[in-house]
Amino acid sequence: MRFTVSPGGSINGEAKVPGDKSISHRSIMLGSIANGVTEVSGFLQGADSLATLAAFREMGVSISNPENGRVRIEGVGKNGLRAPSNDIDLGNSGTSMRLLAGLLSGQNFGSTLIGDESLSKRPMNRVVHPLRTMGAELDSGEAGRPPIAIRPGNKLKGISYELPVASAQIKSCLLLAGLYAEGCTSITEPGPTRDHTERMLRSLGYAVETKVLESSNAELSAEGARSQITVIGDGELNGGDIKVPTDISSAAFFLVAASIVPGSELTLRDVGVNPTRTGILHILWDMGADITLSNERLWGAEPVADITVRSASLQGIAIPQRYVPLAIDEFPVVFIAALAASGTTVLTGARELRVKESDRIAVMADGISALGGAATATEDGMIIESSTLSGGRVDSHGDHRIAMAFSVAAMLATNDIEIENCTNVGTSFPGYAELAQSLGMDIRVA
């Protein structure tokens, strides 16, 4: 699939982006191992979360076909999953693979997790090694990449583990394994990461303790960054209603587009504003964006708001490191905001971007440079100077967030930009091009 986007236009109106991908994954996982029925609304019907749904059907869970974001899960209880008859294919979803590695390490049956070409290049030892410490018997492929083969082994034992990097996927993997372990499993995170797993566990009746620790880093300490999260493996989950907010990671593309394109005013409804996910808002506010939140409320355990954004003159900034884990998925489009901002924007402390669906530092820097922009990749971030992109062709390398970021950039380019390899946009944002077109982007799909 190729996107072709012409410059011009503005972003105006009201919209709802699709449901939050992270929460959609977790609703299927936890609803499946809960006792009783879980009703999900707002579920993301994208390829990644549908891969998670298919995986649990493969393990004997009755899950309805998603219809307008509604899914009914007939939970089988913590120990009710059955051995899959085939390898579990998780497509492009790193979240599915890492979280399932933890959950399935506690089962009394073996399983093998596989993925597509992109997922098969992503690092998995970051979950394999601590799971082995808990007593799990599992192996990864060459150089610590998928597939992950899990064998039924000894009963898992709780551990105290300090995350080497701030990663919600590693944290959640180990917490899910901790549901099946003897004793306490305590995870210490060096910086704040999305806490959807902890919130959903509590909402389904499972006790989770979160303790804020002191930090030697004054900047992080001010945000309560260093925390210890503990679960005990003797609890049960009970089914309930889960209302999935719309995804702030998907909203980010339109927040940036409406900020940088003159004459824009957009309201996005029902956006999840969990404080572990709002780094994109803080970064844009620091750059001078005109963004306001209204109708703030709770959907179950998750905070939600309507967000209105109007075009504004942005300024380049040194992005505070405390926002990096809170905006880790949004940086491709943050780089586009930086191009439109006056002066220089500097990102550091974001090495994690190199092991996403693509090396997002290298791919974005190469694409911006090829289109005439000023971007310099560094080992753990990027330096971007205010510049306008020319027209031309750029390869998204099959990375959904790269593809959508360059579509936003094209609105301020001097000529059309063609973006190759956009099929994976459907993993997180089905209907992106149609929604973008309706809001004022001149985008064509071929």
Protein backbone atom coordinates (compact mmCIF):
# COMPACT_ATOMS: atom_id res chain seq x y z
CA MET A 1 0.00 0.00 0.00
CA ARG A 2 1.19 3.50 -0.87
CA PHE A 3 0.01 6.84 0.51
CA THR A 4 0.30 9.92 -1.69
CA VAL A 5 -0.29 13.17 0.18
CA SER A 6 -0.49 16.62 -1.40
CA PRO A 7 0.43 19.79 0.48
CA GLY A 8 -2.17 22.30 1.59
CA GLY A 9 -5.47 22.15 3.39
CA SER A 10 -6.10 22.31 7.11
CA ILE A 11 -7.39 19.97 9.81
CA ASN A 12 -10.85 20.83 11.07
CA GLY A 13 -13.87 19.21 12.68
CA GLU A 14 -14.60 16.60 15.33
CA ALA A 15 -13.48 12.98 15.31
CA LYS A 16 -12.94 9.81 17.28
CA VAL A 17 -9.80 7.84 16.58
CA PRO A 18 -9.83 4.05 17.13
CA GLY A 19 -9.65 2.39 20.53
CA ASP A 20 -6.45 2.23 22.54
CA LYS A 21 -4.27 -0.61 21.32
CA SER A 22 -2.50 -1.25 24.63
CA ILE A 23 -5.77 -1.47 26.56
CA SER A 24 -7.41 -3.60 23.85
CA HIS A 25 -4.62 -6.19 24.09
CA ARG A 26 -4.92 -6.35 27.86
CA SER A 27 -8.72 -6.60 27.81
CA ILE A 28 -8.50 -9.84 25.84
CA MET A 29 -5.64 -11.28 27.91
CA LEU A 30 -7.09 -10.53 31.34
CA GLY A 31 -10.70 -11.11 30.35
CA SER A 32 -9.73 -14.57 29.08
CA ILE A 33 -8.15 -15.65 32.39
CA ALA A 34 -10.83 -14.04 34.56
CA ASN A 35 -13.74 -15.94 36.07
CA GLY A 36 -16.99 -15.21 34.27
CA VAL A 37 -17.90 -12.91 31.41
CA THR A 38 -16.08 -9.72 30.43
CA GLU A 39 -17.80 -7.26 28.11
CA VAL A 40 -15.45 -4.95 26.21
CA SER A 41 -16.52 -1.81 24.36
CA GLY A 42 -14.30 0.42 22.25
CA PHE A 43 -12.02 -2.50 21.29
CA LEU A 44 -9.51 -1.69 18.55
CA GLN A 45 -10.33 -3.82 15.52
CA GLY A 46 -6.79 -3.54 14.15
CA ALA A 47 -4.51 -6.37 13.12
CA ASP A 48 -2.38 -6.32 16.29
CA SER A 49 -5.20 -6.62 18.82
CA LEU A 50 -7.04 -9.10 16.59
CA ALA A 51 -3.90 -11.26 16.72
CA THR A 52 -4.19 -11.32 20.51
CA LEU A 53 -7.87 -12.22 20.23
CA ALA A 54 -7.08 -15.08 17.83
CA ALA A 55 -4.36 -16.37 20.15
CA PHE A 56 -6.78 -16.82 23.06
CA ARG A 57 -9.37 -18.45 20.85
CA GLU A 58 -6.61 -20.88 19.88
CA MET A 59 -6.28 -21.65 23.60
CA GLY A 60 -9.94 -22.48 24.06
CA VAL A 61 -11.49 -19.16 25.08
CA SER A 62 -14.88 -18.31 23.61
CA ILE A 63 -14.66 -14.73 22.30
CA SER A 64 -17.30 -13.12 20.10
CA ASN A 65 -16.45 -11.53 16.79
CA PRO A 66 -15.81 -7.82 17.40
CA GLU A 67 -18.79 -5.76 16.29
CA ASN A 68 -18.56 -1.96 16.44
CA GLY A 69 -15.85 -2.33 19.04
CA ARG A 70 -17.86 -4.68 21.27
CA VAL A 71 -16.42 -8.01 22.34
CA ARG A 72 -17.79 -10.62 24.76
CA ILE A 73 -15.20 -12.84 26.46
CA GLU A 74 -16.24 -15.97 28.35
CA GLY A 75 -13.34 -16.19 30.78
CA VAL A 76 -11.94 -19.60 31.67
CA GLY A 77 -10.24 -18.62 34.90
CA LYS A 78 -6.55 -18.34 35.64
CA ASN A 79 -5.86 -22.01 34.99
CA GLY A 80 -8.42 -22.74 32.30
CA LEU A 81 -6.42 -22.14 29.11
CA ARG A 82 -5.82 -25.14 26.85
CA ALA A 83 -2.75 -26.06 24.83
CA PRO A 84 -2.89 -24.54 21.33
CA SER A 85 -2.83 -27.01 18.45
CA ASN A 86 -0.53 -24.78 16.38
CA ASP A 87 2.15 -22.16 16.83
CA ILE A 88 0.61 -18.88 17.97
CA ASP A 89 1.12 -16.32 15.19
CA LEU A 90 1.12 -12.79 16.56
CA GLY A 91 1.74 -11.02 13.27
CA ASN A 92 3.37 -7.63 13.81
CA SER A 93 2.51 -7.27 17.49
CA GLY A 94 5.48 -6.97 19.83
CA THR A 95 3.13 -6.22 22.73
CA SER A 96 1.29 -9.50 22.19
CA MET A 97 4.48 -11.53 22.05
CA ARG A 98 6.17 -10.02 25.10
CA LEU A 99 3.08 -10.07 27.32
CA LEU A 100 2.06 -13.56 26.24
CA ALA A 101 5.56 -14.85 26.94
CA GLY A 102 4.95 -13.99 30.58
CA LEU A 103 1.38 -15.23 30.81
CA LEU A 104 2.11 -18.52 29.03
CA SER A 105 5.26 -19.24 31.05
CA GLY A 106 2.94 -20.05 33.95
CA GLN A 107 0.81 -22.62 32.10
CA ASN A 108 1.02 -26.40 32.36
CA PHE A 109 1.36 -26.74 28.58
CA GLY A 110 3.94 -25.70 26.02
CA SER A 111 3.53 -23.13 23.26
CA THR A 112 5.52 -21.38 20.55
CA LEU A 113 5.08 -17.72 19.70
CA ILE A 114 5.90 -16.60 16.16
CA GLY A 115 5.45 -13.38 14.18
CA ASP A 116 5.87 -11.73 10.81
CA GLU A 117 9.16 -10.67 9.27
CA SER A 118 9.27 -7.39 11.18
CA LEU A 119 8.41 -8.89 14.57
CA SER A 120 10.93 -11.67 13.98
CA LYS A 121 13.71 -9.05 14.09
CA ARG A 122 12.75 -7.56 17.46
CA PRO A 123 14.63 -8.31 20.71
CA MET A 124 13.01 -10.81 23.06
CA ASN A 125 15.82 -11.66 25.49
CA ARG A 126 14.72 -8.68 27.55
CA VAL A 127 11.74 -10.81 28.65
CA VAL A 128 13.25 -14.27 28.21
CA HIS A 129 16.11 -13.73 30.70
CA PRO A 130 14.03 -12.53 33.68
CA LEU A 131 11.38 -15.19 32.98
CA ARG A 132 14.10 -17.83 33.23
CA THR A 133 15.06 -16.34 36.59
CA MET A 134 11.49 -17.01 37.70
CA GLY A 135 11.91 -20.67 36.67
CA ALA A 136 10.33 -20.56 33.24
CA GLU A 137 11.70 -22.90 30.59
CA LEU A 138 11.76 -21.03 27.31
CA ASP A 139 14.06 -20.28 24.42
CA SER A 140 14.26 -17.52 21.84
CA GLY A 141 15.63 -17.72 18.32
CA GLU A 142 18.94 -16.55 16.95
CA ALA A 143 20.34 -13.43 18.66
CA GLY A 144 17.44 -13.39 21.11
CA ARG A 145 14.78 -12.84 18.46
CA PRO A 146 11.50 -14.74 17.87
CA PRO A 147 10.25 -17.38 17.86
CA ILE A 148 9.82 -17.93 21.59
CA ALA A 149 9.37 -21.59 22.54
CA ILE A 150 7.86 -22.13 26.00
CA ARG A 151 7.99 -25.54 27.67
CA PRO A 152 5.93 -26.61 30.66
CA GLY A 153 8.37 -26.67 33.54
CA ASN A 154 8.69 -25.96 37.21
CA LYS A 155 6.29 -23.77 39.16
CA LEU A 156 7.31 -20.15 38.72
CA LYS A 157 8.76 -18.33 41.72
CA GLY A 158 8.30 -14.65 42.41
CA ILE A 159 11.33 -12.41 41.97
CA SER A 160 12.40 -8.85 42.67
CA TYR A 161 13.56 -7.38 39.38
CA GLU A 162 14.85 -3.96 38.44
CA LEU A 163 14.08 -3.08 34.84
CA PRO A 164 17.23 -2.14 32.90
CA VAL A 165 15.11 0.20 30.74
CA ALA A 166 11.75 1.84 31.33
CA SER A 167 9.52 -0.60 29.43
CA ALA A 168 5.84 -1.27 30.01
CA GLN A 169 6.08 -4.43 27.92
CA ILE A 170 8.77 -5.99 30.11
CA LYS A 171 7.02 -4.86 33.29
CA SER A 172 3.67 -6.25 32.15
CA CYS A 173 5.24 -9.51 30.97
CA LEU A 174 6.70 -10.14 34.43
CA LEU A 175 3.54 -9.06 36.26
CA LEU A 176 1.49 -11.52 34.18
CA ALA A 177 4.01 -14.25 34.96
CA GLY A 178 3.75 -13.18 38.61
CA LEU A 179 0.05 -14.09 38.60
CA TYR A 180 1.21 -17.72 38.32
CA ALA A 181 4.26 -17.55 40.62
CA GLU A 182 4.73 -18.57 44.22
CA GLY A 183 5.08 -15.55 46.47
CA CYS A 184 5.64 -11.93 45.50
CA THR A 185 6.82 -10.62 42.18
CA SER A 186 8.13 -7.06 42.49
CA ILE A 187 9.20 -4.98 39.50
CA THR A 188 11.13 -1.74 39.98
CA GLU A 189 10.97 0.63 37.01
CA PRO A 190 13.58 3.38 36.57
CA GLY A 191 11.11 5.75 34.96
CA PRO A 192 7.36 5.95 34.50
CA THR A 193 5.81 3.61 31.94
CA ARG A 194 2.21 3.03 30.92
CA ASP A 195 0.33 1.36 33.77
CA HIS A 196 -2.66 -0.11 31.96
CA THR A 197 -1.87 -3.63 33.21
CA GLU A 198 -1.92 -2.58 36.86
CA ARG A 199 -5.10 -0.54 36.44
CA MET A 200 -6.95 -3.34 34.65
CA LEU A 201 -5.83 -5.99 37.14
CA ARG A 202 -7.22 -3.88 39.97
CA SER A 203 -10.46 -3.25 38.07
CA LEU A 204 -10.94 -7.02 37.74
CA GLY A 205 -10.33 -7.56 41.46
CA TYR A 206 -6.64 -8.50 41.55
CA ALA A 207 -4.50 -6.81 44.20
CA VAL A 208 -1.56 -4.79 42.87
CA GLU A 209 0.66 -2.66 45.10
CA THR A 210 2.47 0.35 43.61
CA LYS A 211 5.06 2.12 45.75
CA VAL A 212 6.81 5.30 44.64
CA LEU A 213 10.54 5.16 45.44
CA GLU A 214 12.97 7.98 45.83
CA SER A 215 15.15 8.73 42.82
CA SER A 216 18.64 10.13 42.65
CA ASN A 217 17.59 11.95 39.48
CA ALA A 218 15.89 15.16 40.63
CA GLU A 219 14.09 15.65 37.32
CA LEU A 220 12.58 12.18 37.43
CA SER A 221 11.90 12.30 41.17
CA ALA A 222 9.68 15.31 40.66
CA GLU A 223 7.47 13.12 38.47
CA GLY A 224 7.44 10.20 40.93
CA ALA A 225 9.23 8.22 38.28
CA ARG A 226 10.91 5.35 40.10
CA SER A 227 8.28 2.90 41.32
CA GLN A 228 7.97 -0.67 42.56
CA ILE A 229 4.97 -2.71 41.46
CA THR A 230 4.13 -5.94 43.32
CA VAL A 231 1.68 -8.79 42.75
CA ILE A 232 1.20 -12.02 44.70
CA GLY A 233 0.44 -15.17 42.76
CA ASP A 234 -2.52 -16.45 44.77
CA GLY A 235 -5.28 -14.17 43.49
CA GLU A 236 -8.14 -14.56 41.04
CA LEU A 237 -9.60 -12.22 38.47
CA ASN A 238 -13.33 -11.67 38.04
CA GLY A 239 -14.88 -10.64 34.76
CA GLY A 240 -16.44 -7.22 34.34
CA ASP A 241 -17.06 -4.39 31.92
CA ILE A 242 -14.05 -2.76 30.23
CA LYS A 243 -14.58 0.48 28.33
CA VAL A 244 -11.59 1.21 26.07
CA PRO A 245 -10.78 4.92 25.50
CA THR A 246 -9.61 6.11 22.10
CA ASP A 247 -5.85 5.85 21.60
CA ILE A 248 -3.74 8.92 22.36
CA SER A 249 -0.97 7.39 20.22
CA SER A 250 -3.33 7.52 17.23
CA ALA A 251 -4.66 10.92 18.24
CA ALA A 252 -1.08 12.24 18.22
CA PHE A 253 -0.97 12.42 14.40
CA PHE A 254 -3.93 14.77 14.31
CA LEU A 255 -2.77 16.73 17.36
CA VAL A 256 0.45 17.53 15.50
CA ALA A 257 -1.25 18.10 12.14
CA ALA A 258 -3.73 20.58 13.61
CA SER A 259 -0.94 22.29 15.58
CA ILE A 260 1.34 22.90 12.61
CA VAL A 261 -1.08 23.51 9.70
CA PRO A 262 -2.46 27.06 9.69
CA GLY A 263 -6.21 27.51 10.00
CA SER A 264 -6.78 24.22 11.85
CA GLU A 265 -9.14 23.54 14.76
CA LEU A 266 -9.98 19.98 15.78
CA THR A 267 -11.71 18.26 18.68
CA LEU A 268 -10.94 14.61 19.40
CA ARG A 269 -13.46 12.78 21.57
CA ASP A 270 -13.00 10.22 24.37
CA VAL A 271 -9.18 10.18 24.30
CA GLY A 272 -7.36 8.22 26.98
CA VAL A 273 -5.30 10.66 29.05
CA ASN A 274 -3.66 8.23 31.45
CA PRO A 275 -0.77 10.27 32.93
CA THR A 276 1.69 7.55 31.86
CA ARG A 277 0.71 8.25 28.24
CA THR A 278 0.47 12.04 28.04
CA GLY A 279 4.08 12.81 27.17
CA ILE A 280 2.93 13.92 23.71
CA LEU A 281 0.73 16.61 25.27
CA HIS A 282 3.48 17.89 27.55
CA ILE A 283 6.00 18.02 24.70
CA LEU A 284 3.60 19.92 22.45
CA TRP A 285 2.64 22.29 25.26
CA ASP A 286 6.32 22.99 25.90
CA MET A 287 6.67 23.79 22.18
CA GLY A 288 3.80 26.30 22.41
CA ALA A 289 0.86 24.23 21.13
CA ASP A 290 -2.71 25.41 21.74
CA ILE A 291 -4.24 22.25 23.20
CA THR A 292 -7.00 22.11 25.83
CA LEU A 293 -8.69 19.22 27.63
CA SER A 294 -12.37 19.20 28.55
CA ASN A 295 -15.01 16.80 29.84
CA GLU A 296 -12.39 14.95 31.91
CA ARG A 297 -13.77 11.79 33.52
CA LEU A 298 -12.99 8.16 34.35
CA TRP A 299 -13.93 5.17 32.23
CA GLY A 300 -13.47 2.43 34.78
CA ALA A 301 -9.84 2.77 35.87
CA GLU A 302 -8.76 4.95 32.94
CA PRO A 303 -8.95 8.77 32.70
CA VAL A 304 -10.54 10.11 29.51
CA ALA A 305 -11.03 13.59 28.05
CA ASP A 306 -12.01 15.44 24.91
CA ILE A 307 -9.03 17.28 23.39
CA THR A 308 -9.28 20.46 21.32
CA VAL A 309 -6.26 21.66 19.33
CA ARG A 310 -5.82 24.83 17.30
CA SER A 311 -2.94 25.78 15.03
CA ALA A 312 -0.11 27.65 16.75
CA SER A 313 3.46 28.79 16.20
CA LEU A 314 5.71 26.13 17.71
CA GLN A 315 9.24 26.59 19.03
CA GLY A 316 12.01 24.02 19.13
CA ILE A 317 12.93 22.66 22.56
CA ALA A 318 15.25 20.24 24.30
CA ILE A 319 12.73 17.50 25.07
CA PRO A 320 12.85 16.71 28.82
CA GLN A 321 13.96 13.12 29.39
CA ARG A 322 11.13 12.57 31.87
CA TYR A 323 8.72 12.69 28.94
CA VAL A 324 10.54 10.09 26.83
CA PRO A 325 8.89 6.92 28.24
CA LEU A 326 5.56 8.77 28.35
CA ALA A 327 5.70 9.45 24.59
CA ILE A 328 7.83 6.61 23.27
CA ASP A 329 5.37 5.63 20.51
CA GLU A 330 4.67 9.20 19.43
CA PHE A 331 8.18 10.36 18.52
CA PRO A 332 7.89 9.83 14.75
CA VAL A 333 5.22 12.53 14.60
CA VAL A 334 6.98 14.64 17.27
CA PHE A 335 9.88 14.82 14.80
CA ILE A 336 7.46 16.28 12.24
CA ALA A 337 6.30 18.89 14.77
CA ALA A 338 9.98 19.75 15.27
CA LEU A 339 10.43 20.40 11.54
CA ALA A 340 7.60 22.94 11.68
CA ALA A 341 8.86 24.57 14.89
CA SER A 342 11.24 27.53 14.85
CA GLY A 343 14.80 26.80 15.95
CA THR A 344 16.22 23.48 17.03
CA THR A 345 14.62 20.48 18.76
CA VAL A 346 16.84 17.95 20.52
CA LEU A 347 15.81 14.48 21.73
CA THR A 348 18.08 12.38 23.96
CA GLY A 349 17.54 9.30 26.10
CA ALA A 350 15.36 7.52 23.53
CA ARG A 351 17.53 4.56 22.50
CA GLU A 352 14.41 2.37 22.78
CA LEU A 353 13.25 3.87 19.46
CA ARG A 354 15.91 1.81 17.69
CA VAL A 355 14.14 -1.49 18.52
CA LYS A 356 10.56 -0.66 17.59
CA GLU A 357 8.84 -1.91 14.41
CA SER A 358 11.76 -0.25 12.68
CA ASP A 359 14.79 1.68 13.87
CA ARG A 360 12.68 4.80 14.21
CA ILE A 361 15.66 7.07 14.79
CA ALA A 362 17.45 5.97 11.62
CA VAL A 363 14.35 5.64 9.43
CA MET A 364 12.94 9.05 10.37
CA ALA A 365 16.31 10.80 10.04
CA ASP A 366 16.94 9.20 6.65
CA GLY A 367 13.45 10.02 5.41
CA ILE A 368 13.55 13.62 6.57
CA SER A 369 16.97 14.13 5.02
CA ALA A 370 15.95 12.50 1.73
CA LEU A 371 13.03 14.93 1.51
CA GLY A 372 15.23 17.97 2.13
CA GLY A 373 14.74 18.40 5.87
CA ALA A 374 17.44 18.91 8.48
CA ALA A 375 17.65 15.94 10.85
CA THR A 376 20.71 14.36 12.43
CA ALA A 377 20.42 10.97 14.11
CA THR A 378 22.30 10.41 17.35
CA GLU A 379 22.85 7.20 19.27
CA ASP A 380 19.84 7.81 21.50
CA GLY A 381 17.82 10.49 19.76
CA MET A 382 17.80 13.19 17.11
CA ILE A 383 18.60 16.84 16.41
CA ILE A 384 16.08 18.56 14.13
CA GLU A 385 16.29 22.05 12.66
CA SER A 386 13.30 24.00 11.43
CA SER A 387 12.92 23.10 7.74
CA THR A 388 10.37 22.44 5.00
CA LEU A 389 10.27 19.13 3.19
CA SER A 390 10.28 18.97 -0.59
CA GLY A 391 8.22 16.45 -2.46
CA GLY A 392 9.44 12.99 -3.25
CA ARG A 393 9.23 9.39 -2.12
CA VAL A 394 10.00 7.91 1.28
CA ASP A 395 9.91 4.31 2.55
CA SER A 396 8.11 3.71 5.85
CA HIS A 397 9.87 0.32 6.16
CA GLY A 398 6.51 -1.22 7.02
CA ASP A 399 6.29 0.84 10.23
CA HIS A 400 2.75 2.16 10.75
CA ARG A 401 3.80 5.17 12.82
CA ILE A 402 6.48 6.21 10.30
CA ALA A 403 3.91 6.08 7.49
CA MET A 404 1.39 8.24 9.32
CA ALA A 405 4.06 10.70 10.48
CA PHE A 406 5.20 11.43 6.93
CA SER A 407 1.59 11.86 5.82
CA VAL A 408 1.31 14.69 8.35
CA ALA A 409 4.60 16.20 7.14
CA ALA A 410 3.34 16.26 3.56
CA MET A 411 0.71 18.86 4.42
CA LEU A 412 3.51 21.43 4.79
CA ALA A 413 5.75 20.10 2.00
CA THR A 414 6.38 21.94 -1.26
CA ASN A 415 5.17 19.03 -3.43
CA ASP A 416 3.47 15.64 -3.12
CA ILE A 417 5.09 13.03 -0.89
CA GLU A 418 4.66 9.34 -1.70
CA ILE A 419 5.01 6.99 1.27
CA GLU A 420 5.76 3.35 0.49
CA ASN A 421 4.91 0.21 2.51
CA CYS A 422 1.90 1.54 4.41
CA THR A 423 -0.08 -1.70 4.82
CA ASN A 424 0.80 -2.01 8.51
CA VAL A 425 -1.06 1.21 9.32
CA GLY A 426 -3.98 -1.17 9.79
CA THR A 427 -2.27 -2.75 12.80
CA SER A 428 -3.04 0.28 14.95
CA PHE A 429 -5.24 2.66 12.95
CA PRO A 430 -7.71 0.99 10.58
CA GLY A 431 -9.41 3.66 8.49
CA TYR A 432 -6.62 6.21 8.99
CA ALA A 433 -6.57 7.51 5.42
CA GLU A 434 -10.35 7.88 5.26
CA LEU A 435 -10.48 9.79 8.55
CA ALA A 436 -7.54 11.99 7.58
CA GLN A 437 -9.23 12.80 4.26
CA SER A 438 -12.48 13.71 6.02
CA LEU A 439 -10.65 16.12 8.32
CA GLY A 440 -8.86 17.94 5.50
CA MET A 441 -5.74 15.99 4.48
CA ASP A 442 -5.38 15.41 0.73
CA ILE A 443 -4.38 11.75 0.96
CA ARG A 444 -4.76 9.02 -1.66
CA VAL A 445 -4.23 5.30 -1.24
CA ALA A 446 -2.92 2.96 -3.92
